[in-house]
Amino acid sequence: MQAWRVHRNGEPGEVMRLEETARPVPGEGQVALRVRAANINFPDALLCRGQYQVRPPLPFTPGLEICAETEDGRRVIAAPALPYGGLAEYVVADEAGLLAAPESLDDAEAAALHIGYQTGWFALHRRARLQAGETLLVHAAAGGVGSAAVQLGKAAGATVIGVVGGQDKVRVARELGCDVVVDRRTDDFVAAVKEATGGRGADVVYDPVGGDAFAKSAKCVAFEGRIVLVGFASGVIPSPALSHALVKNYSLLGLHWGLYRTKDPAAVAGCHQELTALADRGAIKPLISERVPMKGAADAVQRVADGTTTGRVVVLPEGVAR
C-alpha cells in the first residue's frame, strides 16, 4: 500500500516521504480499516517535528483522524493507532474507539468531525460551561479547530467574536457565523471585545494559539469569565501572572481532549452523539477548504503548519472528491 512516512524529525515538507509499505496488522482489540479520507491537524506537523506529546517510533505515518471503512463495510470515524497514522491507504485502530460516521456528512466532512469538534465541545460545554446569551471569543476562528468552536458556540446560543489574521480569513469567519470578526493584523481585538460587550468583556475565551493571544485575552475577559487553553499554535507557551486572575476573578482552564479517551470514554461517545445530532440538523458542518489527493499530503501538512490554510484540509487516498 501507499503511505506517507517520516524517518527523521523536521518540517513536514522536508521529512515526509510517500512510500510503498506493507499493510499494518491489527493487534489484540484492533481492526483493519481502509481509509476513505484523512483530515490534517496541526499536531500532525508537531509529530513530524518531534514536538507532540506523543512521540511514535521512527519511521511513522502522520494522520490522527480519518473516515474509514471496516472489513464488513461499515463507515466509521477513527483515530489510527500510531505509528500507523491516517495518511495511508490502510490503518489499524482500536475497535472500542470506532464511531459511526454521520450519514449527513460526506467522507471528508466526517473525517474532520472528530478531534476538532470533540475538543471544542469538551472545552465549551464540559470545561467552560458556556451558556446561551454569553459572549464567546474564539482565536484562529477561520482555522480547523477555531471554525469548529465558532459553530459550536453559535449552536449553543452564544454571541461569537472571532479573531483571525488576514482579510481572506475575515471573510471565512463571517461566513461561519461570527457576530463580530477582528483582523488581529490591523485591529485591536481587546478594544473590539470591550466595544461589542459594552465594556464587560468575553465570558468565555477559546484559545488554541497561546502567546500574545492569551496575554491580550486576559485584558478583555469578563468578571468570572473563563479562558480555555487548548493549544499553543503560536509556539509560545504563556506564563500567566496568577495574581491577575485573582484580581479579575476569572478562571484558567486546560483542555487536553485526548485524556478523555482513556479516562472517560463514555463521555467521548456521548459527545459524538451530540455532534451527530447537531450535524444531522445542520447546526454544524465541518468547513472543508481543500480536498487533496494522496500525493499532495506533505505539502498540505506543511501549509497547515505554516498557518496559511482555512478550515480543514483533507487527504483522499484515491484522489476522489468524496
Protein backbone atom coordinates (compact mmCIF):
# COMPACT_ATOMS: atom_id res chain seq x y z
CA MET A 1 0.00 0.00 0.00
CA GLN A 2 0.98 3.68 -0.23
CA ALA A 3 1.72 5.57 2.96
CA TRP A 4 3.49 8.80 3.91
CA ARG A 5 6.33 8.02 6.32
CA VAL A 6 8.66 10.11 8.47
CA HIS A 7 12.17 8.70 9.00
CA ARG A 8 13.63 11.73 10.79
CA ASN A 9 12.15 14.73 12.57
CA GLY A 10 11.86 18.09 10.86
CA GLU A 11 9.50 20.25 8.82
CA PRO A 12 6.70 18.17 7.20
CA GLY A 13 7.57 19.24 3.66
CA GLU A 14 11.14 18.06 4.17
CA VAL A 15 10.74 14.81 6.09
CA MET A 16 7.54 13.22 4.78
CA ARG A 17 8.08 10.59 2.04
CA LEU A 18 5.43 8.71 0.06
CA GLU A 19 6.42 5.04 0.06
CA GLU A 20 5.18 1.56 -0.72
CA THR A 21 4.94 -0.41 2.51
CA ALA A 22 3.16 -3.41 3.96
CA ARG A 23 -0.30 -3.05 5.44
CA PRO A 24 -0.29 -2.87 9.24
CA VAL A 25 -1.56 -5.96 11.04
CA PRO A 26 -4.22 -5.46 13.75
CA GLY A 27 -3.22 -6.35 17.28
CA GLU A 28 -5.50 -7.52 20.06
CA GLY A 29 -8.61 -5.34 20.24
CA GLN A 30 -7.80 -3.63 16.93
CA VAL A 31 -9.39 -3.71 13.49
CA ALA A 32 -8.06 -3.09 9.98
CA LEU A 33 -9.57 -0.12 8.13
CA ARG A 34 -9.48 1.16 4.57
CA VAL A 35 -9.00 4.93 4.66
CA ARG A 36 -11.65 6.92 2.79
CA ALA A 37 -10.49 10.38 3.95
CA ALA A 38 -7.80 11.65 6.33
CA ASN A 39 -8.09 15.05 7.98
CA ILE A 40 -4.92 17.06 8.63
CA ASN A 41 -4.42 18.62 12.06
CA PHE A 42 -1.74 20.95 13.40
CA PRO A 43 -0.49 18.12 15.68
CA ASP A 44 0.48 16.24 12.50
CA ALA A 45 3.12 18.92 11.96
CA LEU A 46 4.19 18.64 15.59
CA LEU A 47 4.55 14.88 15.14
CA CYS A 48 6.85 15.46 12.18
CA ARG A 49 8.91 17.92 14.22
CA GLY A 50 9.09 15.58 17.21
CA GLN A 51 7.31 18.18 19.35
CA TYR A 52 4.00 16.43 20.03
CA GLN A 53 3.20 14.97 23.47
CA VAL A 54 3.16 11.55 21.80
CA ARG A 55 6.38 10.57 20.00
CA PRO A 56 5.89 7.43 17.91
CA PRO A 57 8.97 5.44 16.92
CA LEU A 58 10.58 6.24 13.59
CA PRO A 59 9.56 5.65 10.90
CA PHE A 60 5.90 6.57 11.41
CA THR A 61 2.95 7.78 9.36
CA PRO A 62 1.18 11.03 10.42
CA GLY A 63 -2.58 11.38 10.40
CA LEU A 64 -4.66 11.46 13.57
CA GLU A 65 -8.26 11.25 12.35
CA ILE A 66 -9.95 9.51 9.47
CA CYS A 67 -13.18 8.42 7.92
CA ALA A 68 -12.71 4.78 7.01
CA GLU A 69 -14.41 1.56 6.05
CA THR A 70 -14.33 -1.64 8.08
CA GLU A 71 -13.86 -5.03 6.50
CA ASP A 72 -17.59 -5.67 6.91
CA GLY A 73 -18.49 -2.41 5.13
CA ARG A 74 -19.27 -0.04 7.99
CA ARG A 75 -18.39 3.63 7.51
CA VAL A 76 -16.67 4.90 10.66
CA ILE A 77 -14.67 7.72 12.19
CA ALA A 78 -11.48 6.58 13.87
CA ALA A 79 -8.18 7.63 15.41
CA PRO A 80 -5.50 5.39 13.82
CA ALA A 81 -3.09 3.61 16.13
CA LEU A 82 0.32 5.25 15.75
CA PRO A 83 2.87 4.67 14.29
CA TYR A 84 0.41 3.73 11.52
CA GLY A 85 -1.30 7.09 11.01
CA GLY A 86 -4.06 8.00 8.62
CA LEU A 87 -2.04 9.35 5.67
CA ALA A 88 -2.07 5.87 4.17
CA GLU A 89 -4.38 3.57 2.27
CA TYR A 90 -4.91 1.22 5.24
CA VAL A 91 -4.59 1.62 9.01
CA VAL A 92 -5.37 -0.18 12.23
CA ALA A 93 -7.41 1.31 15.06
CA ASP A 94 -8.82 0.27 18.43
CA GLU A 95 -12.20 -1.29 17.83
CA ALA A 96 -13.60 0.22 21.03
CA GLY A 97 -12.86 3.73 19.73
CA LEU A 98 -14.74 3.44 16.42
CA LEU A 99 -17.57 5.93 15.94
CA ALA A 100 -20.30 5.75 13.32
CA ALA A 101 -19.82 8.34 10.57
CA PRO A 102 -22.91 10.60 10.34
CA GLU A 103 -24.92 9.94 7.19
CA SER A 104 -25.45 13.70 6.80
CA LEU A 105 -21.70 14.23 6.19
CA ASP A 106 -19.56 13.07 3.28
CA ASP A 107 -16.25 11.30 3.89
CA ALA A 108 -14.11 14.44 4.09
CA GLU A 109 -16.56 16.17 6.44
CA ALA A 110 -16.87 13.08 8.62
CA ALA A 111 -13.08 12.78 8.92
CA ALA A 112 -12.98 16.36 10.23
CA LEU A 113 -15.75 15.90 12.80
CA HIS A 114 -13.63 14.08 15.37
CA ILE A 115 -10.73 15.82 17.14
CA GLY A 116 -11.53 19.49 16.43
CA TYR A 117 -15.22 19.23 17.26
CA GLN A 118 -14.72 16.98 20.27
CA THR A 119 -12.11 19.43 21.54
CA GLY A 120 -14.49 22.33 21.02
CA TRP A 121 -17.43 20.57 22.64
CA PHE A 122 -15.49 19.49 25.74
CA ALA A 123 -13.84 22.91 26.05
CA LEU A 124 -17.03 24.93 25.74
CA HIS A 125 -19.52 22.67 27.48
CA ARG A 126 -17.67 20.46 29.96
CA ARG A 127 -14.89 22.84 30.98
CA ALA A 128 -16.22 26.38 30.42
CA ARG A 129 -19.96 25.62 30.86
CA LEU A 130 -20.87 28.06 28.09
CA GLN A 131 -24.44 29.36 28.43
CA ALA A 132 -26.86 30.77 25.87
CA GLY A 133 -26.59 34.55 25.77
CA GLU A 134 -22.93 34.63 26.82
CA THR A 135 -20.14 36.05 24.67
CA LEU A 136 -17.53 33.67 23.30
CA LEU A 137 -14.18 34.89 21.96
CA VAL A 138 -12.54 32.44 19.53
CA HIS A 139 -8.94 32.81 18.40
CA ALA A 140 -7.90 31.47 14.98
CA ALA A 141 -11.61 31.45 14.16
CA ALA A 142 -11.10 30.58 10.49
CA GLY A 143 -8.81 27.63 11.20
CA GLY A 144 -9.73 24.00 11.66
CA VAL A 145 -10.10 24.00 15.45
CA GLY A 146 -11.37 27.57 15.66
CA SER A 147 -14.04 27.11 13.00
CA ALA A 148 -15.47 24.17 14.98
CA ALA A 149 -15.62 26.31 18.14
CA VAL A 150 -17.40 29.10 16.26
CA GLN A 151 -20.10 26.72 15.02
CA LEU A 152 -20.50 25.06 18.41
CA GLY A 153 -20.72 28.45 20.11
CA LYS A 154 -23.46 29.61 17.76
CA ALA A 155 -25.30 26.31 18.19
CA ALA A 156 -25.21 26.92 21.96
CA GLY A 157 -26.79 30.35 21.58
CA ALA A 158 -23.69 32.43 22.31
CA THR A 159 -22.60 35.67 20.69
CA VAL A 160 -19.33 34.81 18.95
CA ILE A 161 -16.40 37.15 18.37
CA GLY A 162 -13.79 35.69 16.03
CA VAL A 163 -10.14 36.75 15.82
CA VAL A 164 -8.29 35.96 12.58
CA GLY A 165 -5.19 37.03 10.68
CA GLY A 166 -5.85 38.48 7.22
CA GLN A 167 -8.79 39.63 5.14
CA ASP A 168 -9.35 36.24 3.48
CA LYS A 169 -9.85 34.74 6.91
CA VAL A 170 -12.14 37.60 7.91
CA ARG A 171 -14.49 36.57 5.11
CA VAL A 172 -14.38 32.92 6.15
CA ALA A 173 -15.11 33.74 9.80
CA ARG A 174 -18.13 35.82 8.79
CA GLU A 175 -19.45 33.01 6.63
CA LEU A 176 -19.06 30.65 9.60
CA GLY A 177 -21.44 32.83 11.58
CA CYS A 178 -19.25 35.05 13.78
CA ASP A 179 -21.23 38.04 15.05
CA VAL A 180 -18.05 40.15 15.16
CA VAL A 181 -14.78 39.47 13.33
CA VAL A 182 -11.46 41.13 14.19
CA ASP A 183 -8.36 41.05 11.99
CA ARG A 184 -5.53 40.91 14.53
CA ARG A 185 -3.10 42.21 11.90
CA THR A 186 -4.84 45.56 11.62
CA ASP A 187 -7.19 45.89 14.61
CA ASP A 188 -7.03 45.70 18.41
CA PHE A 189 -9.19 42.76 19.45
CA VAL A 190 -9.13 43.86 23.11
CA ALA A 191 -10.83 47.13 22.19
CA ALA A 192 -13.21 45.32 19.83
CA VAL A 193 -14.31 42.86 22.53
CA LYS A 194 -14.91 45.64 25.04
CA GLU A 195 -16.88 47.65 22.49
CA ALA A 196 -19.01 44.65 21.49
CA THR A 197 -19.79 43.78 25.12
CA GLY A 198 -20.36 47.28 26.47
CA GLY A 199 -17.10 47.10 28.41
CA ARG A 200 -17.94 43.82 30.17
CA GLY A 201 -15.62 41.52 28.24
CA ALA A 202 -15.91 37.97 26.91
CA ASP A 203 -17.48 35.35 29.18
CA VAL A 204 -15.50 32.53 27.55
CA VAL A 205 -12.24 32.66 25.59
CA TYR A 206 -11.28 29.73 23.36
CA ASP A 207 -7.53 29.87 22.84
CA PRO A 208 -5.65 27.40 20.63
CA VAL A 209 -2.91 29.98 19.97
CA GLY A 210 -1.25 30.98 23.26
CA GLY A 211 1.44 33.66 23.35
CA ASP A 212 0.21 37.17 22.72
CA ALA A 213 -3.34 35.95 22.11
CA PHE A 214 -3.53 34.71 25.69
CA ALA A 215 -1.91 37.82 27.17
CA LYS A 216 -4.41 40.11 25.46
CA SER A 217 -7.35 37.83 26.22
CA ALA A 218 -6.68 38.28 29.94
CA LYS A 219 -7.26 42.00 29.37
CA CYS A 220 -10.73 41.52 27.92
CA VAL A 221 -12.14 38.52 29.77
CA ALA A 222 -15.25 39.30 31.80
CA PHE A 223 -15.70 39.16 35.56
CA GLU A 224 -15.98 35.43 36.39
CA GLY A 225 -15.07 34.66 32.78
CA ARG A 226 -13.27 31.51 31.66
CA ILE A 227 -10.20 31.21 29.42
CA VAL A 228 -9.82 27.72 27.96
CA LEU A 229 -6.32 26.81 26.79
CA VAL A 230 -6.44 24.16 24.06
CA GLY A 231 -3.07 24.60 22.34
CA PHE A 232 -0.12 26.82 21.52
CA ALA A 233 -0.08 27.18 17.75
CA SER A 234 1.93 30.40 18.13
CA GLY A 235 4.80 28.34 19.51
CA VAL A 236 4.83 30.41 22.70
CA ILE A 237 3.54 28.89 25.94
CA PRO A 238 2.40 31.77 28.17
CA SER A 239 3.38 32.14 31.80
CA PRO A 240 0.36 33.92 33.27
CA ALA A 241 0.52 36.14 36.33
CA LEU A 242 -1.87 34.27 38.61
CA SER A 243 -2.40 37.39 40.68
CA HIS A 244 -4.17 38.87 37.66
CA ALA A 245 -6.69 36.02 37.63
CA LEU A 246 -7.31 36.69 41.31
CA VAL A 247 -7.82 40.42 40.79
CA LYS A 248 -10.30 39.93 37.93
CA ASN A 249 -11.97 36.74 39.21
CA TYR A 250 -11.54 34.74 36.02
CA SER A 251 -10.64 31.09 35.58
CA LEU A 252 -7.88 29.44 33.55
CA LEU A 253 -8.96 26.04 32.24
CA GLY A 254 -6.87 23.47 30.41
CA LEU A 255 -8.29 21.11 27.82
CA HIS A 256 -6.41 18.09 26.51
CA TRP A 257 -9.17 16.16 24.78
CA GLY A 258 -7.08 13.03 24.30
CA LEU A 259 -7.19 12.34 28.04
CA TYR A 260 -10.95 11.73 27.87
CA ARG A 261 -10.39 8.80 25.51
CA THR A 262 -8.80 6.84 28.36
CA LYS A 263 -10.24 8.48 31.47
CA ASP A 264 -13.87 8.85 30.34
CA PRO A 265 -14.56 7.05 27.04
CA ALA A 266 -18.30 7.10 27.72
CA ALA A 267 -18.17 10.91 27.61
CA VAL A 268 -16.44 10.78 24.22
CA ALA A 269 -19.18 8.51 22.88
CA GLY A 270 -21.84 10.81 24.33
CA CYS A 271 -20.17 13.84 22.78
CA HIS A 272 -20.18 12.09 19.39
CA GLN A 273 -23.92 11.53 19.71
CA GLU A 274 -24.38 15.24 20.40
CA LEU A 275 -22.19 16.19 17.44
CA THR A 276 -24.01 13.78 15.15
CA ALA A 277 -27.37 15.27 16.15
CA LEU A 278 -26.05 18.79 15.51
CA ALA A 279 -24.69 17.74 12.12
CA ASP A 280 -27.91 15.99 11.15
CA ARG A 281 -29.93 19.14 11.74
CA GLY A 282 -27.39 21.36 10.00
CA ALA A 283 -26.25 23.27 13.09
CA ILE A 284 -22.61 22.29 12.46
CA LYS A 285 -20.78 21.30 9.29
CA PRO A 286 -17.00 20.96 9.03
CA LEU A 287 -15.53 23.62 6.77
CA ILE A 288 -13.55 21.71 4.15
CA SER A 289 -11.42 24.21 2.28
CA GLU A 290 -9.37 21.67 0.32
CA ARG A 291 -9.64 18.03 -0.73
CA VAL A 292 -6.24 16.89 -1.92
CA PRO A 293 -5.03 13.61 -3.42
CA MET A 294 -2.56 11.41 -1.57
CA LYS A 295 0.42 12.84 -3.47
CA GLY A 296 -0.32 16.32 -2.08
CA ALA A 297 -0.35 15.36 1.60
CA ALA A 298 3.14 16.57 2.57
CA ASP A 299 2.57 19.99 1.06
CA ALA A 300 -0.81 20.18 2.77
CA VAL A 301 0.63 19.33 6.20
CA GLN A 302 3.31 21.97 5.70
CA ARG A 303 0.72 24.63 4.83
CA VAL A 304 -1.32 23.76 7.91
CA ALA A 305 1.89 24.05 9.94
CA ASP A 306 2.57 27.47 8.42
CA GLY A 307 -0.93 28.72 9.26
CA THR A 308 -1.81 29.62 5.68
CA THR A 309 -4.92 27.43 5.39
CA THR A 310 -8.53 28.00 6.43
CA GLY A 311 -10.94 25.39 7.71
CA ARG A 312 -9.90 21.80 7.13
CA VAL A 313 -7.60 20.24 4.55
CA VAL A 314 -8.49 16.60 3.88
CA VAL A 315 -6.49 13.97 2.02
CA LEU A 316 -8.38 11.49 -0.17
CA PRO A 317 -6.23 8.41 -0.80
CA GLU A 318 -7.77 7.73 -4.21
CA GLY A 319 -7.98 11.40 -5.19
CA VAL A 320 -11.77 11.24 -5.42
CA ALA A 321 -13.75 14.22 -4.11
CA ARG A 322 -15.92 12.31 -1.67
